[in-house]
N, C-alpha and C. Protein backbone atom coordinates (compact mmCIF):
# COMPACT_ATOMS: atom_id res chain seq x y z
N MET A 1 -20.53 -23.24 2.51
CA MET A 1 -19.32 -23.19 1.73
C MET A 1 -18.40 -22.13 2.34
N ALA A 2 -17.25 -22.53 2.82
CA ALA A 2 -16.31 -21.62 3.47
C ALA A 2 -15.35 -21.03 2.45
N THR A 3 -15.00 -19.78 2.68
CA THR A 3 -14.02 -19.12 1.83
C THR A 3 -12.77 -18.90 2.65
N ARG A 4 -11.61 -19.18 2.05
CA ARG A 4 -10.35 -18.94 2.73
C ARG A 4 -9.28 -18.62 1.69
N SER A 5 -8.25 -17.99 2.13
CA SER A 5 -7.13 -17.66 1.25
C SER A 5 -5.97 -18.59 1.56
N VAL A 6 -5.35 -19.08 0.50
CA VAL A 6 -4.20 -19.96 0.63
C VAL A 6 -3.12 -19.45 -0.31
N ARG A 7 -1.95 -19.21 0.23
CA ARG A 7 -0.83 -18.77 -0.62
C ARG A 7 -0.34 -19.96 -1.42
N ALA A 8 0.03 -19.72 -2.68
CA ALA A 8 0.51 -20.79 -3.55
C ALA A 8 1.60 -20.25 -4.46
N ARG A 9 2.39 -21.16 -4.99
CA ARG A 9 3.45 -20.80 -5.95
C ARG A 9 3.16 -21.52 -7.25
N TYR A 10 3.30 -20.81 -8.36
CA TYR A 10 3.09 -21.39 -9.68
C TYR A 10 4.44 -21.88 -10.19
N ARG A 11 4.53 -23.20 -10.45
CA ARG A 11 5.79 -23.78 -10.90
C ARG A 11 5.49 -24.91 -11.88
N ASN A 12 6.14 -24.87 -13.03
CA ASN A 12 5.97 -25.91 -14.05
C ASN A 12 4.51 -26.15 -14.42
N GLY A 13 3.75 -25.07 -14.52
CA GLY A 13 2.36 -25.18 -14.95
C GLY A 13 1.39 -25.64 -13.87
N VAL A 14 1.86 -25.72 -12.62
CA VAL A 14 1.01 -26.21 -11.53
C VAL A 14 1.07 -25.23 -10.35
N LEU A 15 -0.08 -24.95 -9.75
CA LEU A 15 -0.11 -24.15 -8.53
C LEU A 15 0.15 -25.07 -7.35
N GLU A 16 1.18 -24.76 -6.57
CA GLU A 16 1.53 -25.57 -5.40
C GLU A 16 1.19 -24.77 -4.14
N PRO A 17 0.26 -25.27 -3.31
CA PRO A 17 -0.07 -24.56 -2.07
C PRO A 17 1.16 -24.47 -1.17
N LEU A 18 1.32 -23.34 -0.49
CA LEU A 18 2.43 -23.14 0.42
C LEU A 18 2.06 -23.48 1.86
N GLU A 19 0.86 -23.99 2.04
CA GLU A 19 0.39 -24.43 3.36
C GLU A 19 -0.58 -25.59 3.16
N ALA A 20 -0.85 -26.29 4.23
CA ALA A 20 -1.72 -27.46 4.14
C ALA A 20 -3.15 -27.05 3.74
N VAL A 21 -3.73 -27.83 2.86
CA VAL A 21 -5.14 -27.64 2.48
C VAL A 21 -5.88 -28.95 2.74
N ASP A 22 -7.06 -28.84 3.29
CA ASP A 22 -7.85 -30.02 3.62
C ASP A 22 -8.89 -30.23 2.52
N LEU A 23 -8.47 -30.88 1.43
CA LEU A 23 -9.34 -31.12 0.29
C LEU A 23 -9.35 -32.61 -0.04
N SER A 24 -10.47 -33.06 -0.56
CA SER A 24 -10.57 -34.44 -1.03
C SER A 24 -9.91 -34.54 -2.40
N GLU A 25 -9.41 -35.72 -2.74
CA GLU A 25 -8.82 -35.95 -4.05
C GLU A 25 -9.85 -35.65 -5.13
N ASP A 26 -9.48 -34.93 -6.16
CA ASP A 26 -10.32 -34.52 -7.28
C ASP A 26 -11.42 -33.52 -6.90
N GLN A 27 -11.36 -32.96 -5.71
CA GLN A 27 -12.35 -31.95 -5.32
C GLN A 27 -12.10 -30.69 -6.14
N GLU A 28 -13.16 -30.10 -6.68
CA GLU A 28 -13.04 -28.87 -7.45
C GLU A 28 -13.21 -27.67 -6.52
N VAL A 29 -12.43 -26.63 -6.80
CA VAL A 29 -12.51 -25.39 -6.04
C VAL A 29 -12.54 -24.22 -7.02
N LEU A 30 -13.01 -23.09 -6.56
CA LEU A 30 -12.99 -21.86 -7.35
C LEU A 30 -11.70 -21.12 -6.99
N LEU A 31 -10.90 -20.82 -7.97
CA LEU A 31 -9.60 -20.19 -7.75
C LEU A 31 -9.65 -18.74 -8.21
N THR A 32 -9.30 -17.83 -7.31
CA THR A 32 -9.21 -16.41 -7.63
C THR A 32 -7.76 -16.00 -7.42
N LEU A 33 -7.13 -15.45 -8.45
CA LEU A 33 -5.72 -15.10 -8.36
C LEU A 33 -5.54 -13.65 -7.97
N ASP A 34 -4.63 -13.41 -7.05
CA ASP A 34 -4.24 -12.08 -6.63
C ASP A 34 -2.73 -12.01 -6.78
N ASP A 35 -2.29 -11.47 -7.89
CA ASP A 35 -0.86 -11.41 -8.19
C ASP A 35 -0.23 -10.28 -7.39
N GLU A 36 0.42 -10.62 -6.29
CA GLU A 36 0.99 -9.62 -5.40
C GLU A 36 2.09 -8.81 -6.07
N GLN A 37 2.71 -9.33 -7.09
CA GLN A 37 3.80 -8.62 -7.74
C GLN A 37 3.30 -7.46 -8.59
N GLN A 38 2.02 -7.40 -8.86
CA GLN A 38 1.46 -6.32 -9.67
C GLN A 38 1.45 -4.99 -8.93
N ALA A 39 1.24 -5.03 -7.63
CA ALA A 39 1.16 -3.80 -6.86
C ALA A 39 2.55 -3.22 -6.65
N PRO A 40 2.73 -1.94 -6.92
CA PRO A 40 4.06 -1.35 -6.69
C PRO A 40 4.36 -1.30 -5.20
N SER A 41 5.60 -1.48 -4.86
CA SER A 41 5.99 -1.41 -3.46
C SER A 41 6.00 0.04 -3.00
N ASP A 42 6.00 0.24 -1.70
CA ASP A 42 6.08 1.60 -1.17
C ASP A 42 7.36 2.28 -1.64
N GLN A 43 8.44 1.51 -1.72
CA GLN A 43 9.71 2.07 -2.16
C GLN A 43 9.62 2.53 -3.62
N ASP A 44 8.95 1.74 -4.48
CA ASP A 44 8.78 2.13 -5.88
C ASP A 44 7.99 3.43 -5.99
N SER A 45 6.91 3.51 -5.22
CA SER A 45 6.08 4.72 -5.25
C SER A 45 6.86 5.93 -4.77
N LEU A 46 7.64 5.74 -3.72
CA LEU A 46 8.44 6.83 -3.18
C LEU A 46 9.50 7.27 -4.19
N SER A 47 10.14 6.31 -4.83
CA SER A 47 11.17 6.63 -5.82
C SER A 47 10.60 7.42 -6.99
N LYS A 48 9.40 7.06 -7.44
CA LYS A 48 8.79 7.75 -8.57
C LYS A 48 8.43 9.20 -8.23
N SER A 49 8.16 9.47 -6.95
CA SER A 49 7.77 10.82 -6.57
C SER A 49 8.96 11.68 -6.13
N ALA A 50 10.14 11.09 -6.08
CA ALA A 50 11.33 11.84 -5.64
C ALA A 50 11.58 13.04 -6.54
N GLY A 51 11.77 14.19 -5.94
CA GLY A 51 12.10 15.40 -6.68
C GLY A 51 10.91 16.17 -7.22
N VAL A 52 9.70 15.68 -7.02
CA VAL A 52 8.52 16.34 -7.57
C VAL A 52 8.36 17.76 -7.01
N TRP A 53 8.71 17.94 -5.74
CA TRP A 53 8.55 19.26 -5.11
C TRP A 53 9.81 20.11 -5.23
N ALA A 54 10.81 19.66 -5.94
CA ALA A 54 12.11 20.33 -5.95
C ALA A 54 12.05 21.81 -6.30
N ASP A 55 11.25 22.19 -7.26
CA ASP A 55 11.21 23.59 -7.72
C ASP A 55 9.95 24.33 -7.29
N MET A 56 9.22 23.80 -6.33
CA MET A 56 7.96 24.44 -5.95
C MET A 56 8.14 25.63 -5.01
N PHE A 57 9.26 25.70 -4.31
CA PHE A 57 9.46 26.76 -3.33
C PHE A 57 10.83 27.40 -3.55
N GLU A 58 10.85 28.74 -3.49
CA GLU A 58 12.13 29.43 -3.62
C GLU A 58 13.01 29.17 -2.41
N ASP A 59 12.37 29.12 -1.22
CA ASP A 59 13.11 28.92 0.02
C ASP A 59 12.44 27.80 0.82
N PRO A 60 12.89 26.56 0.63
CA PRO A 60 12.26 25.43 1.33
C PRO A 60 12.32 25.57 2.85
N GLU A 61 13.39 26.13 3.37
CA GLU A 61 13.51 26.30 4.83
C GLU A 61 12.42 27.23 5.35
N GLN A 62 12.13 28.31 4.60
CA GLN A 62 11.07 29.23 5.02
C GLN A 62 9.71 28.54 4.95
N PHE A 63 9.50 27.71 3.94
CA PHE A 63 8.25 26.97 3.84
C PHE A 63 8.06 26.09 5.07
N ILE A 64 9.11 25.39 5.48
CA ILE A 64 9.02 24.52 6.66
C ILE A 64 8.68 25.35 7.90
N LYS A 65 9.32 26.51 8.06
CA LYS A 65 9.02 27.39 9.19
C LYS A 65 7.56 27.84 9.15
N ASP A 66 7.08 28.18 7.96
CA ASP A 66 5.69 28.62 7.81
C ASP A 66 4.71 27.51 8.19
N VAL A 67 5.02 26.28 7.81
CA VAL A 67 4.15 25.15 8.15
C VAL A 67 4.09 24.98 9.66
N TYR A 68 5.24 25.00 10.31
CA TYR A 68 5.25 24.86 11.77
C TYR A 68 4.52 26.01 12.46
N GLN A 69 4.69 27.21 11.95
CA GLN A 69 4.00 28.35 12.54
C GLN A 69 2.49 28.23 12.36
N ALA A 70 2.06 27.76 11.20
CA ALA A 70 0.63 27.58 10.95
C ALA A 70 0.05 26.55 11.91
N ARG A 71 0.83 25.54 12.25
CA ARG A 71 0.36 24.54 13.22
C ARG A 71 0.20 25.17 14.60
N ILE A 72 1.10 26.05 14.95
CA ILE A 72 1.01 26.72 16.25
C ILE A 72 -0.18 27.68 16.26
N ASP A 73 -0.32 28.47 15.21
CA ASP A 73 -1.40 29.46 15.14
C ASP A 73 -2.76 28.81 15.01
N GLY A 74 -2.83 27.71 14.30
CA GLY A 74 -4.11 27.04 14.07
C GLY A 74 -4.91 27.75 12.99
N THR A 75 -5.90 27.06 12.46
CA THR A 75 -6.73 27.65 11.41
C THR A 75 -8.20 27.69 11.81
N ARG A 76 -8.52 27.10 12.94
CA ARG A 76 -9.92 27.10 13.37
C ARG A 76 -10.20 28.32 14.25
N PRO A 77 -11.40 28.85 14.14
CA PRO A 77 -11.75 29.96 15.03
C PRO A 77 -11.82 29.46 16.48
N PRO A 78 -11.58 30.34 17.44
CA PRO A 78 -11.65 29.90 18.84
C PRO A 78 -13.05 29.43 19.20
N ARG A 79 -13.12 28.44 20.07
CA ARG A 79 -14.42 27.90 20.52
C ARG A 79 -14.87 28.68 21.75
N HIS A 80 -16.12 29.05 21.75
CA HIS A 80 -16.71 29.75 22.90
C HIS A 80 -17.69 28.81 23.56
N LEU A 81 -17.34 28.39 24.75
CA LEU A 81 -18.21 27.44 25.47
C LEU A 81 -19.08 28.14 26.46
């Protein structure tokens, strides 16, 4: 028994496949629904988080400089080979 995914559209009480399916007339299948509209888009997630960090730093420019400096300095001890 092969498993495959087929995109379909629900219209007038009927699921209509959006691609060809090779099924016999009256053949029964197991249908699992994955409603893609339920998942928030990346844009929605980004919009909801906008402004969250607004008041976390007195000087955002200094924070950015500190982050870049930390990347240069590193946090790992030197390796002795």
